[in-house]
């Protein structure tokens, strides 16, 4: 990490370099920037590059300095605490400016919940479907703004979120709890507000994975999924949340590596490489004027079929603005692929006007989000931001905790109540242990037979039983634990997967929190003890 003194020296040296190379660094309007760019610089604006490691190593520095790419994607190998991330993003932008280039979009996956690449010193946000359960667009706006505020503090100006895919297939191996929910009409106002909050705070949002990855039973990281729905179903369901994000002014839409036969007649041609989908559907039919980008091109649905040069060329011909080669692509492959596109323009395979069209959109987006007027990061804001976000998350849980059913009016509990909880989460018992008549029984996360027998004994003479589960749909021991309890007086609280109930025997009541964070414990216990009524609306379909 640079010290204050060395940072000052670096900035002085950078300023001297800028005096010698003023063309791009000092041009402030998109038109002026475009007019001053070489063909190589234009092509590089269309690439989102990656590199390995937390300090920017020499191969990465050479790639960024030589090619001046338009965007950088950061992954866990690049990311540590706020001070380290801020030093890295500053170094990236300073390297670009010193080379006579323009500042880049720097993006990260910070969806909230399952996918959150910033962890050390950053707020842990709940899964998006909790937001949908609140039914409150204002909270969704605040959550988008809350995530963006922490990204901006460390110099990140683009987020690969929200996931606009609907969770319509419970067997989906890659979307699941990353989704905002199952029902398009329920999701639309929440995902749109999330986008508005994020972008109002200065971070460009990315709606993904167009036209919809929700109803697949395969992972495009390892194969090419196929979605066979017709256009009428796609418009009513899969495409609907994307339209909502477009109405909210979303800056970028990421297109999936999935084949949609109803939209693309060429067999096994992914949406990400389809002119019919990227240009005809998204741009012309749906009227989208923002940026489009590919999903990572090192996913097996692409890189087992095409070379990086082939897939990049096809992506540009399809109509994309950003090509994302992926986290596992070496700097020399990035350089070789960008050079291949330069050569394709010079040979007439692609027109320079086509390149200019994308670069104009990219530069307009950089102006919109303040990237052209880059300022160094300010990680000193992080403690105050985390405190604000903690209060927000507590409110989201209070409004989102959902009683799915209560067939015997067990909530709020009364009389003697056995509380069976994962012993690895002692704060759960601390939150619930606020009145007389509660009997604690801690069990293993995957309960042993002895745990199950002890829980059944504790439940025998209780008036009510509360049992907390966490992904019981994938744990037969948790299922056996619930089966050993008296069903008519048992309340199951699913801390993580709301699908737990589908693998459990019939019980008296079922409550879900969607994310197993500490604020969920407080909200769930408050509902169970009658401090306030559950307000949440179930955000996924659980069948019968």
Protein backbone atom coordinates (compact mmCIF):
# COMPACT_ATOMS: atom_id res chain seq x y z
CA UNK A 1 0.00 0.00 0.00
CA UNK A 2 1.31 3.48 -0.84
CA UNK A 3 2.21 5.73 2.09
CA UNK A 4 1.03 9.34 2.12
CA UNK A 5 4.47 10.56 1.07
CA UNK A 6 4.86 8.05 -1.74
CA UNK A 7 1.30 8.76 -2.91
CA UNK A 8 2.17 12.46 -3.12
CA UNK A 9 5.29 11.71 -5.15
CA UNK A 10 3.30 9.49 -7.46
CA UNK A 11 0.67 12.22 -8.03
CA UNK A 12 3.37 14.81 -8.78
CA UNK A 13 4.99 12.46 -11.29
CA UNK A 14 1.60 11.67 -12.82
CA UNK A 15 0.89 15.38 -13.24
CA UNK A 16 4.13 15.82 -15.14
CA UNK A 17 3.19 12.95 -17.43
CA UNK A 18 -0.18 14.53 -18.12
CA UNK A 19 1.45 17.73 -19.26
CA UNK A 20 3.25 15.70 -21.90
CA UNK A 21 0.18 13.67 -22.92
CA UNK A 22 -2.82 15.98 -22.66
CA UNK A 23 -5.05 14.63 -25.43
CA UNK A 24 -7.30 12.25 -23.51
CA UNK A 25 -6.58 13.11 -19.90
CA UNK A 26 -7.53 16.78 -20.26
CA UNK A 27 -10.45 16.34 -22.67
CA UNK A 28 -13.63 16.42 -20.62
CA UNK A 29 -16.57 15.93 -22.98
CA UNK A 30 -17.26 12.54 -24.59
CA UNK A 31 -17.08 14.00 -28.12
CA UNK A 32 -13.73 15.64 -27.40
CA UNK A 33 -12.37 12.44 -25.91
CA UNK A 34 -13.54 10.34 -28.86
CA UNK A 35 -12.05 12.75 -31.40
CA UNK A 36 -8.64 12.47 -29.76
CA UNK A 37 -8.53 8.65 -29.56
CA UNK A 38 -6.51 6.29 -31.72
CA UNK A 39 -8.14 3.13 -33.08
CA UNK A 40 -6.31 1.07 -30.47
CA UNK A 41 -7.63 3.26 -27.68
CA UNK A 42 -11.18 3.02 -29.02
CA UNK A 43 -11.05 -0.77 -29.21
CA UNK A 44 -9.57 -0.99 -25.71
CA UNK A 45 -12.50 1.04 -24.34
CA UNK A 46 -14.71 -1.93 -25.24
CA UNK A 47 -12.79 -4.40 -23.09
CA UNK A 48 -13.19 -5.13 -19.40
CA UNK A 49 -9.89 -6.65 -18.33
CA UNK A 50 -8.86 -8.56 -15.23
CA UNK A 51 -5.64 -9.43 -13.45
CA UNK A 52 -4.56 -11.54 -10.50
CA UNK A 53 -3.40 -10.30 -7.11
CA UNK A 54 -3.97 -7.48 -4.65
CA UNK A 55 -1.13 -5.18 -5.62
CA UNK A 56 -1.13 -4.39 -9.32
CA UNK A 57 1.70 -6.55 -10.65
CA UNK A 58 3.94 -5.58 -13.57
CA UNK A 59 2.10 -7.61 -16.27
CA UNK A 60 -1.16 -5.93 -15.20
CA UNK A 61 0.45 -2.48 -15.06
CA UNK A 62 1.91 -2.97 -18.53
CA UNK A 63 -1.44 -4.12 -19.94
CA UNK A 64 -3.32 -1.18 -18.43
CA UNK A 65 -0.66 1.36 -19.38
CA UNK A 66 -0.20 0.09 -22.94
CA UNK A 67 -3.82 -0.57 -23.91
CA UNK A 68 -5.75 1.74 -21.54
CA UNK A 69 -8.86 -0.49 -21.31
CA UNK A 70 -12.26 1.03 -20.67
CA UNK A 71 -13.09 -1.12 -17.66
CA UNK A 72 -11.50 -3.34 -15.01
CA UNK A 73 -13.29 -6.17 -13.21
CA UNK A 74 -12.04 -6.98 -9.72
CA UNK A 75 -12.38 -10.45 -8.20
CA UNK A 76 -11.64 -11.95 -4.76
CA UNK A 77 -7.94 -12.34 -5.57
CA UNK A 78 -7.76 -8.54 -5.89
CA UNK A 79 -9.78 -7.60 -2.83
CA UNK A 80 -8.96 -7.13 0.85
CA UNK A 81 -9.90 -4.45 3.39
CA UNK A 82 -11.16 -0.97 2.39
CA UNK A 83 -7.74 0.67 2.56
CA UNK A 84 -6.21 -1.97 0.29
CA UNK A 85 -9.07 -1.81 -2.23
CA UNK A 86 -8.91 2.00 -2.31
CA UNK A 87 -5.14 1.92 -2.89
CA UNK A 88 -5.64 -0.55 -5.76
CA UNK A 89 -8.40 1.41 -7.50
CA UNK A 90 -6.39 4.63 -7.15
CA UNK A 91 -3.35 2.89 -8.65
CA UNK A 92 -5.42 1.67 -11.61
CA UNK A 93 -6.80 5.11 -12.39
CA UNK A 94 -3.45 6.83 -11.85
CA UNK A 95 -1.76 4.37 -14.22
CA UNK A 96 -4.34 5.11 -16.90
CA UNK A 97 -3.98 8.87 -16.52
CA UNK A 98 -0.20 8.71 -16.47
CA UNK A 99 -0.31 6.81 -19.77
CA UNK A 100 -2.45 9.54 -21.34
CA UNK A 101 -5.65 7.52 -21.13
CA UNK A 102 -8.96 8.19 -19.40
CA UNK A 103 -10.32 6.77 -16.14
CA UNK A 104 -11.98 3.36 -16.22
CA UNK A 105 -15.13 1.81 -14.93
CA UNK A 106 -14.00 -0.45 -12.08
CA UNK A 107 -16.56 -3.13 -11.34
CA UNK A 108 -17.19 -5.85 -8.79
CA UNK A 109 -19.82 -8.45 -7.90
CA UNK A 110 -21.50 -7.04 -4.78
CA UNK A 111 -25.03 -8.39 -5.10
CA UNK A 112 -25.74 -8.88 -1.40
CA UNK A 113 -26.23 -12.30 0.15
CA UNK A 114 -24.57 -15.23 -1.62
CA UNK A 115 -22.37 -13.22 -4.00
CA UNK A 116 -20.45 -10.44 -2.27
CA UNK A 117 -16.78 -10.17 -3.16
CA UNK A 118 -16.06 -7.33 -0.73
CA UNK A 119 -16.05 -8.82 2.76
CA UNK A 120 -13.19 -7.72 5.02
CA UNK A 121 -14.29 -4.42 6.58
CA UNK A 122 -17.43 -4.13 4.44
CA UNK A 123 -21.09 -4.56 5.39
CA UNK A 124 -22.62 -8.01 4.90
CA UNK A 125 -25.95 -7.37 3.15
CA UNK A 126 -28.85 -9.87 3.07
CA UNK A 127 -30.11 -11.64 -0.03
CA UNK A 128 -32.23 -9.53 -2.42
CA UNK A 129 -35.37 -11.64 -1.96
CA UNK A 130 -35.61 -10.24 1.60
CA UNK A 131 -36.07 -6.80 0.03
CA UNK A 132 -38.89 -8.13 -2.12
CA UNK A 133 -40.50 -9.67 0.97
CA UNK A 134 -40.71 -6.19 2.53
CA UNK A 135 -42.78 -4.94 -0.42
CA UNK A 136 -41.14 -1.57 0.25
CA UNK A 137 -39.42 0.14 -2.73
CA UNK A 138 -38.05 2.83 -0.43
CA UNK A 139 -36.05 0.23 1.51
CA UNK A 140 -34.83 -1.23 -1.80
CA UNK A 141 -33.69 2.24 -2.88
CA UNK A 142 -31.85 2.68 0.41
CA UNK A 143 -30.23 -0.75 0.07
CA UNK A 144 -28.98 0.05 -3.43
CA UNK A 145 -27.65 3.35 -2.13
CA UNK A 146 -26.11 1.68 0.91
CA UNK A 147 -24.16 -0.83 -1.18
CA UNK A 148 -23.10 1.90 -3.61
CA UNK A 149 -21.88 4.19 -0.83
CA UNK A 150 -19.34 1.59 0.30
CA UNK A 151 -18.23 0.91 -3.28
CA UNK A 152 -17.72 4.61 -3.98
CA UNK A 153 -15.70 5.00 -0.79
CA UNK A 154 -13.09 2.58 -2.13
CA UNK A 155 -13.09 3.81 -5.73
CA UNK A 156 -15.45 1.27 -7.34
CA UNK A 157 -17.91 2.89 -9.73
CA UNK A 158 -19.71 -0.13 -11.26
CA UNK A 159 -21.56 -3.01 -9.63
CA UNK A 160 -22.46 -6.25 -11.41
CA UNK A 161 -25.89 -6.18 -9.78
CA UNK A 162 -28.84 -6.53 -9.56
CA UNK A 163 -29.69 -10.08 -10.58
CA UNK A 164 -32.92 -9.50 -12.52
CA UNK A 165 -33.45 -13.23 -13.13
CA UNK A 166 -36.62 -14.61 -11.57
CA UNK A 167 -36.30 -17.60 -9.26
CA UNK A 168 -38.82 -19.68 -11.21
CA UNK A 169 -36.93 -22.98 -11.11
CA UNK A 170 -36.04 -24.31 -7.63
CA UNK A 171 -33.55 -26.71 -9.25
CA UNK A 172 -31.54 -23.84 -10.74
CA UNK A 173 -27.91 -24.48 -9.67
CA UNK A 174 -26.63 -20.91 -10.09
CA UNK A 175 -29.39 -18.33 -9.42
CA UNK A 176 -31.59 -19.40 -6.48
CA UNK A 177 -31.30 -16.98 -3.55
CA UNK A 178 -29.40 -14.48 -5.70
CA UNK A 179 -32.75 -13.60 -7.27
CA UNK A 180 -35.17 -10.95 -6.00
CA UNK A 181 -38.00 -13.48 -6.15
CA UNK A 182 -40.36 -15.57 -8.26
CA UNK A 183 -43.18 -13.29 -9.31
CA UNK A 184 -42.42 -10.61 -11.92
CA UNK A 185 -45.02 -8.14 -10.67
CA UNK A 186 -43.77 -8.44 -7.09
CA UNK A 187 -40.12 -8.08 -8.12
CA UNK A 188 -40.43 -5.20 -10.62
CA UNK A 189 -40.83 -2.21 -8.24
CA UNK A 190 -38.17 -3.55 -5.87
CA UNK A 191 -35.45 -4.24 -8.44
CA UNK A 192 -36.16 -0.88 -10.14
CA UNK A 193 -35.83 1.01 -6.84
CA UNK A 194 -32.60 -0.86 -6.06
CA UNK A 195 -31.16 0.34 -9.39
CA UNK A 196 -32.24 3.93 -8.80
CA UNK A 197 -30.70 4.00 -5.32
CA UNK A 198 -27.41 2.57 -6.51
CA UNK A 199 -27.07 4.89 -9.47
CA UNK A 200 -28.17 7.99 -7.55
CA UNK A 201 -25.17 7.29 -5.30
CA UNK A 202 -22.80 7.32 -8.28
CA UNK A 203 -22.34 3.61 -9.04
CA UNK A 204 -23.49 2.22 -12.37
CA UNK A 205 -25.77 -0.81 -11.93
CA UNK A 206 -25.76 -3.91 -14.13
CA UNK A 207 -28.98 -5.86 -14.68
CA UNK A 208 -28.14 -9.51 -15.34
CA UNK A 209 -28.42 -12.12 -16.90
CA UNK A 210 -30.53 -11.04 -19.91
CA UNK A 211 -32.89 -12.41 -21.23
CA UNK A 212 -33.18 -14.44 -18.00
CA UNK A 213 -31.21 -17.21 -16.28
CA UNK A 214 -33.89 -18.10 -13.73
CA UNK A 215 -35.58 -21.04 -15.41
CA UNK A 216 -32.53 -23.17 -16.16
CA UNK A 217 -31.37 -26.40 -14.58
CA UNK A 218 -27.77 -25.96 -15.80
CA UNK A 219 -24.93 -23.57 -14.97
CA UNK A 220 -23.48 -21.59 -17.89
CA UNK A 221 -20.09 -21.67 -16.13
CA UNK A 222 -19.86 -25.34 -17.11
CA UNK A 223 -22.26 -25.88 -20.06
CA UNK A 224 -24.71 -24.10 -22.38
CA UNK A 225 -28.18 -23.97 -20.78
CA UNK A 226 -31.27 -23.86 -22.98
CA UNK A 227 -34.49 -21.95 -22.26
CA UNK A 228 -37.31 -23.11 -24.53
CA UNK A 229 -40.09 -20.70 -23.56
CA UNK A 230 -41.91 -18.83 -26.32
CA UNK A 231 -41.90 -15.08 -26.75
CA UNK A 232 -45.24 -14.52 -24.99
CA UNK A 233 -44.04 -16.22 -21.80
CA UNK A 234 -40.64 -14.48 -21.98
CA UNK A 235 -42.26 -11.04 -22.23
CA UNK A 236 -44.63 -11.67 -19.32
CA UNK A 237 -42.08 -13.32 -17.04
CA UNK A 238 -38.35 -13.43 -17.78
CA UNK A 239 -38.05 -10.07 -19.57
CA UNK A 240 -40.38 -8.15 -17.26
CA UNK A 241 -37.85 -7.32 -14.48
CA UNK A 242 -35.33 -6.21 -17.11
CA UNK A 243 -37.91 -3.81 -18.52
CA UNK A 244 -38.37 -2.42 -15.00
CA UNK A 245 -34.62 -1.81 -14.64
CA UNK A 246 -34.59 -0.13 -18.07
CA UNK A 247 -37.40 2.19 -16.95
CA UNK A 248 -35.23 2.98 -13.92
CA UNK A 249 -32.37 3.99 -16.23
CA UNK A 250 -30.04 1.06 -15.57
CA UNK A 251 -26.60 1.82 -16.97
CA UNK A 252 -25.64 -1.67 -18.14
CA UNK A 253 -27.30 -4.94 -19.04
CA UNK A 254 -25.27 -8.16 -18.97
CA UNK A 255 -26.30 -10.81 -21.48
CA UNK A 256 -26.22 -14.51 -20.60
CA UNK A 257 -24.49 -17.46 -22.23
CA UNK A 258 -27.79 -19.29 -22.79
CA UNK A 259 -29.49 -20.46 -25.97
CA UNK A 260 -33.09 -19.28 -26.45
CA UNK A 261 -34.47 -21.06 -29.55
CA UNK A 262 -37.54 -18.79 -29.67
CA UNK A 263 -35.24 -15.76 -30.01
CA UNK A 264 -32.26 -17.17 -31.89
CA UNK A 265 -32.84 -19.82 -34.60
CA UNK A 266 -29.14 -20.72 -34.99
CA UNK A 267 -28.64 -23.89 -32.90
CA UNK A 268 -26.60 -23.48 -29.70
CA UNK A 269 -25.79 -19.81 -30.29
CA UNK A 270 -25.67 -18.13 -26.88
CA UNK A 271 -27.67 -14.94 -26.32
CA UNK A 272 -24.39 -13.16 -25.56
CA UNK A 273 -23.25 -13.71 -29.14
CA UNK A 274 -26.63 -13.29 -30.86
CA UNK A 275 -27.38 -10.21 -33.00
CA UNK A 276 -31.05 -11.18 -32.85
CA UNK A 277 -31.05 -10.87 -29.06
CA UNK A 278 -28.52 -8.11 -28.31
CA UNK A 279 -29.46 -5.75 -31.13
CA UNK A 280 -32.86 -6.71 -32.52
CA UNK A 281 -34.57 -7.64 -29.25
CA UNK A 282 -32.81 -5.61 -26.55
CA UNK A 283 -31.98 -2.46 -28.49
CA UNK A 284 -34.56 -2.23 -31.26
CA UNK A 285 -37.65 -4.00 -29.90
CA UNK A 286 -37.23 -3.14 -26.21
CA UNK A 287 -35.66 0.28 -26.85
CA UNK A 288 -32.64 -0.04 -24.56
CA UNK A 289 -30.12 2.77 -25.09
CA UNK A 290 -27.60 2.02 -22.32
CA UNK A 291 -24.53 -0.19 -22.33
CA UNK A 292 -24.56 -3.93 -22.98
CA UNK A 293 -21.89 -6.34 -21.86
CA UNK A 294 -21.17 -10.03 -22.15
CA UNK A 295 -21.01 -12.35 -19.22
CA UNK A 296 -17.45 -13.59 -18.65
CA UNK A 297 -16.09 -15.19 -21.80
CA UNK A 298 -13.95 -17.72 -19.91
CA UNK A 299 -17.09 -19.62 -18.88
CA UNK A 300 -17.29 -23.08 -20.43
CA UNK A 301 -20.40 -22.27 -22.45
CA UNK A 302 -18.09 -20.01 -24.50
CA UNK A 303 -14.42 -20.89 -24.14
CA UNK A 304 -14.87 -24.59 -24.89
CA UNK A 305 -16.36 -23.62 -28.28
CA UNK A 306 -14.66 -20.38 -29.35
CA UNK A 307 -11.22 -18.81 -28.99
CA UNK A 308 -11.06 -15.45 -27.16
CA UNK A 309 -10.51 -13.69 -30.47
CA UNK A 310 -13.50 -15.40 -32.11
CA UNK A 311 -15.90 -14.79 -29.23
CA UNK A 312 -14.85 -11.12 -28.91
CA UNK A 313 -15.43 -10.53 -32.61
CA UNK A 314 -18.83 -12.25 -32.46
CA UNK A 315 -19.80 -10.21 -29.39
CA UNK A 316 -19.05 -6.93 -31.17
CA UNK A 317 -20.92 -8.08 -34.26
CA UNK A 318 -23.86 -8.95 -32.00
CA UNK A 319 -23.91 -5.36 -30.75
CA UNK A 320 -22.08 -5.38 -27.39
CA UNK A 321 -20.26 -2.42 -25.89
CA UNK A 322 -18.19 -4.28 -23.28
CA UNK A 323 -16.47 -7.63 -23.80
CA UNK A 324 -15.53 -9.36 -20.55
CA UNK A 325 -12.86 -11.98 -21.17
CA UNK A 326 -12.99 -13.21 -17.57
CA UNK A 327 -11.02 -13.67 -14.37
CA UNK A 328 -8.93 -16.59 -15.62
CA UNK A 329 -7.52 -14.90 -18.71
CA UNK A 330 -3.86 -13.84 -18.71
CA UNK A 331 -2.81 -10.26 -19.59
CA UNK A 332 -1.19 -11.44 -22.82
CA UNK A 333 -4.50 -13.00 -23.91
CA UNK A 334 -6.30 -9.72 -23.23
CA UNK A 335 -3.70 -7.88 -25.32
CA UNK A 336 -3.83 -10.44 -28.12
CA UNK A 337 -7.63 -10.28 -28.26
CA UNK A 338 -7.74 -6.47 -28.37
CA UNK A 339 -5.13 -6.52 -31.14
CA UNK A 340 -7.27 -9.02 -33.06
CA UNK A 341 -10.19 -6.58 -33.02
CA UNK A 342 -7.92 -3.72 -34.17
CA UNK A 343 -6.77 -5.95 -37.04
CA UNK A 344 -10.40 -6.83 -37.86
CA UNK A 345 -11.22 -3.13 -38.21
CA UNK A 346 -8.19 -2.48 -40.40
CA UNK A 347 -9.06 -5.45 -42.62
CA UNK A 348 -12.66 -4.29 -43.03
CA UNK A 349 -14.21 -7.12 -41.04
CA UNK A 350 -15.71 -4.54 -38.65
CA UNK A 351 -16.23 -0.88 -39.49
CA UNK A 352 -14.67 1.82 -37.35
CA UNK A 353 -18.12 3.41 -37.19
CA UNK A 354 -19.33 0.31 -35.35
CA UNK A 355 -16.52 0.73 -32.82
CA UNK A 356 -17.25 4.46 -32.51
CA UNK A 357 -20.91 3.74 -31.71
CA UNK A 358 -19.97 1.66 -28.65
CA UNK A 359 -17.24 4.04 -27.53
CA UNK A 360 -19.68 6.96 -27.69
CA UNK A 361 -22.05 5.05 -25.39
CA UNK A 362 -19.21 4.13 -23.02
CA UNK A 363 -17.92 7.69 -22.80
CA UNK A 364 -21.44 9.05 -22.27
CA UNK A 365 -21.86 6.60 -19.38
CA UNK A 366 -18.51 7.67 -17.94
CA UNK A 367 -19.65 11.28 -18.05
CA UNK A 368 -23.01 10.36 -16.47
CA UNK A 369 -21.36 8.60 -13.51
CA UNK A 370 -18.54 11.09 -13.02
CA UNK A 371 -15.80 8.74 -14.22
CA UNK A 372 -14.25 11.33 -16.54
CA UNK A 373 -13.72 13.58 -13.50
CA UNK A 374 -12.13 10.88 -11.37
CA UNK A 375 -11.19 11.67 -7.77
CA UNK A 376 -9.15 9.44 -5.40
CA UNK A 377 -11.02 7.07 -3.09
CA UNK A 378 -11.87 7.97 0.50
CA UNK A 379 -11.95 4.78 2.62
CA UNK A 380 -12.03 6.84 5.82
CA UNK A 381 -15.81 7.07 5.28
CA UNK A 382 -16.28 3.34 5.81
CA UNK A 383 -16.94 3.19 9.60
CA UNK A 384 -19.76 5.75 9.35
CA UNK A 385 -21.20 4.04 6.26
CA UNK A 386 -21.19 0.65 7.96
CA UNK A 387 -23.02 2.08 10.96
CA UNK A 388 -25.71 3.56 8.70
CA UNK A 389 -26.05 0.33 6.76
CA UNK A 390 -26.36 -1.75 9.95
CA UNK A 391 -29.41 0.29 10.97
CA UNK A 392 -30.87 -0.10 7.49
CA UNK A 393 -30.41 -3.88 7.50
CA UNK A 394 -32.13 -4.18 10.88
CA UNK A 395 -35.13 -2.31 9.45
CA UNK A 396 -35.18 -4.51 6.33
CA UNK A 397 -35.35 -7.65 8.47
CA UNK A 398 -38.10 -6.19 10.64
CA UNK A 399 -40.21 -5.53 7.56
CA UNK A 400 -39.21 -8.65 5.63
CA UNK A 401 -39.47 -11.57 8.09
CA UNK A 402 -42.39 -13.62 6.77
CA UNK A 403 -44.90 -15.97 8.38
CA UNK A 404 -45.66 -18.37 5.55
CA UNK A 405 -48.41 -20.10 7.55
CA UNK A 406 -49.56 -20.44 11.16
CA UNK A 407 -52.19 -23.15 11.17
CA UNK A 408 -52.68 -23.33 14.93
CA UNK A 409 -52.17 -19.71 15.98
CA UNK A 410 -48.85 -20.55 17.60
CA UNK A 411 -47.30 -17.09 16.99
CA UNK A 412 -46.72 -15.27 19.27
CA UNK A 413 -45.74 -18.09 21.60
CA UNK A 414 -47.17 -18.45 25.09
CA UNK A 415 -46.63 -20.80 28.03
CA UNK A 416 -43.59 -23.03 28.16
CA UNK A 417 -41.61 -22.93 24.91
CA UNK A 418 -38.72 -25.17 23.88
CA UNK A 419 -36.24 -23.28 21.66
CA UNK A 420 -34.12 -25.65 19.57
CA UNK A 421 -31.36 -23.78 17.78
CA UNK A 422 -27.89 -24.31 16.23
CA UNK A 423 -25.48 -24.18 19.18
CA UNK A 424 -22.92 -22.55 16.86
CA UNK A 425 -25.18 -19.45 16.92
CA UNK A 426 -25.36 -18.55 20.64
CA UNK A 427 -26.54 -15.02 19.79
CA UNK A 428 -29.75 -16.57 18.51
CA UNK A 429 -30.62 -17.82 21.99
CA UNK A 430 -29.48 -14.50 23.47
CA UNK A 431 -31.96 -12.64 21.25
CA UNK A 432 -34.85 -14.97 22.14
CA UNK A 433 -34.16 -15.38 25.85
CA UNK A 434 -36.20 -12.37 26.96
CA UNK A 435 -39.02 -13.83 29.04
CA UNK A 436 -39.79 -16.65 31.44
CA UNK A 437 -40.89 -20.04 30.20
CA UNK A 438 -38.27 -20.48 27.46
CA UNK A 439 -36.18 -23.68 27.50
CA UNK A 440 -32.99 -23.72 25.40
CA UNK A 441 -31.69 -26.76 23.55
CA UNK A 442 -28.59 -26.23 21.40
CA UNK A 443 -27.86 -28.78 18.69
CA UNK A 444 -25.20 -29.26 16.03
CA UNK A 445 -25.69 -27.56 12.66
CA UNK A 446 -26.30 -31.06 11.30
CA UNK A 447 -27.82 -32.65 14.42
CA UNK A 448 -26.57 -36.00 15.69
CA UNK A 449 -28.99 -38.73 16.72
CA UNK A 450 -28.25 -37.78 20.33
CA UNK A 451 -29.12 -34.14 19.54
CA UNK A 452 -32.41 -35.28 18.00
CA UNK A 453 -33.31 -37.42 21.01
CA UNK A 454 -32.49 -34.55 23.39
CA UNK A 455 -34.60 -32.09 21.37
CA UNK A 456 -37.56 -34.50 21.35
CA UNK A 457 -37.27 -34.85 25.14
CA UNK A 458 -37.17 -31.04 25.61
CA UNK A 459 -40.24 -30.65 23.36
CA UNK A 460 -42.31 -33.36 25.06
CA UNK A 461 -43.77 -31.27 27.89
CA UNK A 462 -43.55 -27.83 26.23
CA UNK A 463 -46.65 -25.93 25.12
CA UNK A 464 -44.87 -24.73 21.97
CA UNK A 465 -41.67 -25.72 20.16
CA UNK A 466 -39.50 -23.37 18.08
CA UNK A 467 -36.89 -25.02 15.89
CA UNK A 468 -34.44 -23.04 13.78
CA UNK A 469 -33.26 -24.62 10.53
CA UNK A 470 -30.59 -23.57 8.08
CA UNK A 471 -30.66 -25.19 4.63
CA UNK A 472 -32.57 -28.17 5.96
CA UNK A 473 -33.61 -28.90 2.38
CA UNK A 474 -30.06 -30.21 1.88
CA UNK A 475 -29.54 -31.84 5.31
CA UNK A 476 -31.34 -35.07 6.21
CA UNK A 477 -30.34 -34.75 9.88
CA UNK A 478 -32.16 -31.43 10.20
CA UNK A 479 -35.14 -33.04 8.51
CA UNK A 480 -35.02 -35.89 11.02
CA UNK A 481 -34.84 -33.38 13.89
CA UNK A 482 -38.07 -31.67 12.81
CA UNK A 483 -39.74 -35.04 12.22
CA UNK A 484 -39.01 -35.99 15.86
CA UNK A 485 -40.95 -33.00 17.21
CA UNK A 486 -44.72 -32.85 17.88
CA UNK A 487 -45.97 -31.34 14.60
CA UNK A 488 -49.10 -29.56 15.82
CA UNK A 489 -47.16 -27.37 18.26
CA UNK A 490 -43.93 -26.89 16.30
CA UNK A 491 -42.87 -23.61 14.65
CA UNK A 492 -40.08 -23.96 12.08
CA UNK A 493 -37.96 -20.85 11.50
CA UNK A 494 -35.95 -21.16 8.27
CA UNK A 495 -32.93 -18.90 8.68
CA UNK A 496 -31.51 -19.31 5.17
CA UNK A 497 -33.31 -21.29 2.46
CA UNK A 498 -37.05 -20.64 2.39
CA UNK A 499 -37.37 -24.00 0.61
CA UNK A 500 -36.69 -25.93 3.86
CA UNK A 501 -40.41 -26.59 4.29
CA UNK A 502 -40.53 -28.68 1.12
CA UNK A 503 -38.44 -31.40 2.77
CA UNK A 504 -40.00 -31.23 6.24
CA UNK A 505 -43.04 -33.00 7.70
CA UNK A 506 -46.23 -31.05 8.31
CA UNK A 507 -45.75 -28.54 11.15
CA UNK A 508 -47.93 -25.98 12.88
CA UNK A 509 -46.25 -22.80 11.63
CA UNK A 510 -43.46 -21.73 9.30
CA UNK A 511 -41.48 -18.47 9.42
CA UNK A 512 -38.64 -17.43 7.09
CA UNK A 513 -35.89 -14.82 7.46
CA UNK A 514 -34.16 -15.41 4.04
CA UNK A 515 -30.63 -14.64 5.37
CA UNK A 516 -28.90 -16.03 8.51
CA UNK A 517 -27.48 -12.70 9.70
CA UNK A 518 -27.61 -11.48 13.31
CA UNK A 519 -30.30 -8.85 12.57
CA UNK A 520 -32.46 -11.76 11.37
CA UNK A 521 -32.23 -13.34 14.82
CA UNK A 522 -33.50 -10.18 16.51
CA UNK A 523 -36.36 -9.75 14.04
CA UNK A 524 -37.45 -13.41 14.16
CA UNK A 525 -37.38 -13.55 17.98
CA UNK A 526 -39.33 -10.30 18.21
CA UNK A 527 -42.06 -11.75 15.98
CA UNK A 528 -42.13 -15.04 17.89
CA UNK A 529 -42.37 -13.27 21.25
CA UNK A 530 -45.02 -10.82 20.05
CA UNK A 531 -42.99 -7.59 20.10
CA UNK A 532 -44.36 -6.81 16.64
CA UNK A 533 -46.29 -8.64 13.92
CA UNK A 534 -44.51 -10.10 10.91
CA UNK A 535 -44.99 -7.82 7.91
CA UNK A 536 -43.23 -9.77 5.15
CA UNK A 537 -44.82 -11.21 2.02
CA UNK A 538 -43.34 -14.47 0.73
CA UNK A 539 -41.13 -13.56 -2.24
CA UNK A 540 -40.78 -17.04 -3.76
CA UNK A 541 -43.25 -19.75 -4.75
CA UNK A 542 -43.23 -22.84 -2.53
CA UNK A 543 -45.86 -24.84 -4.40
CA UNK A 544 -48.71 -26.22 -2.28
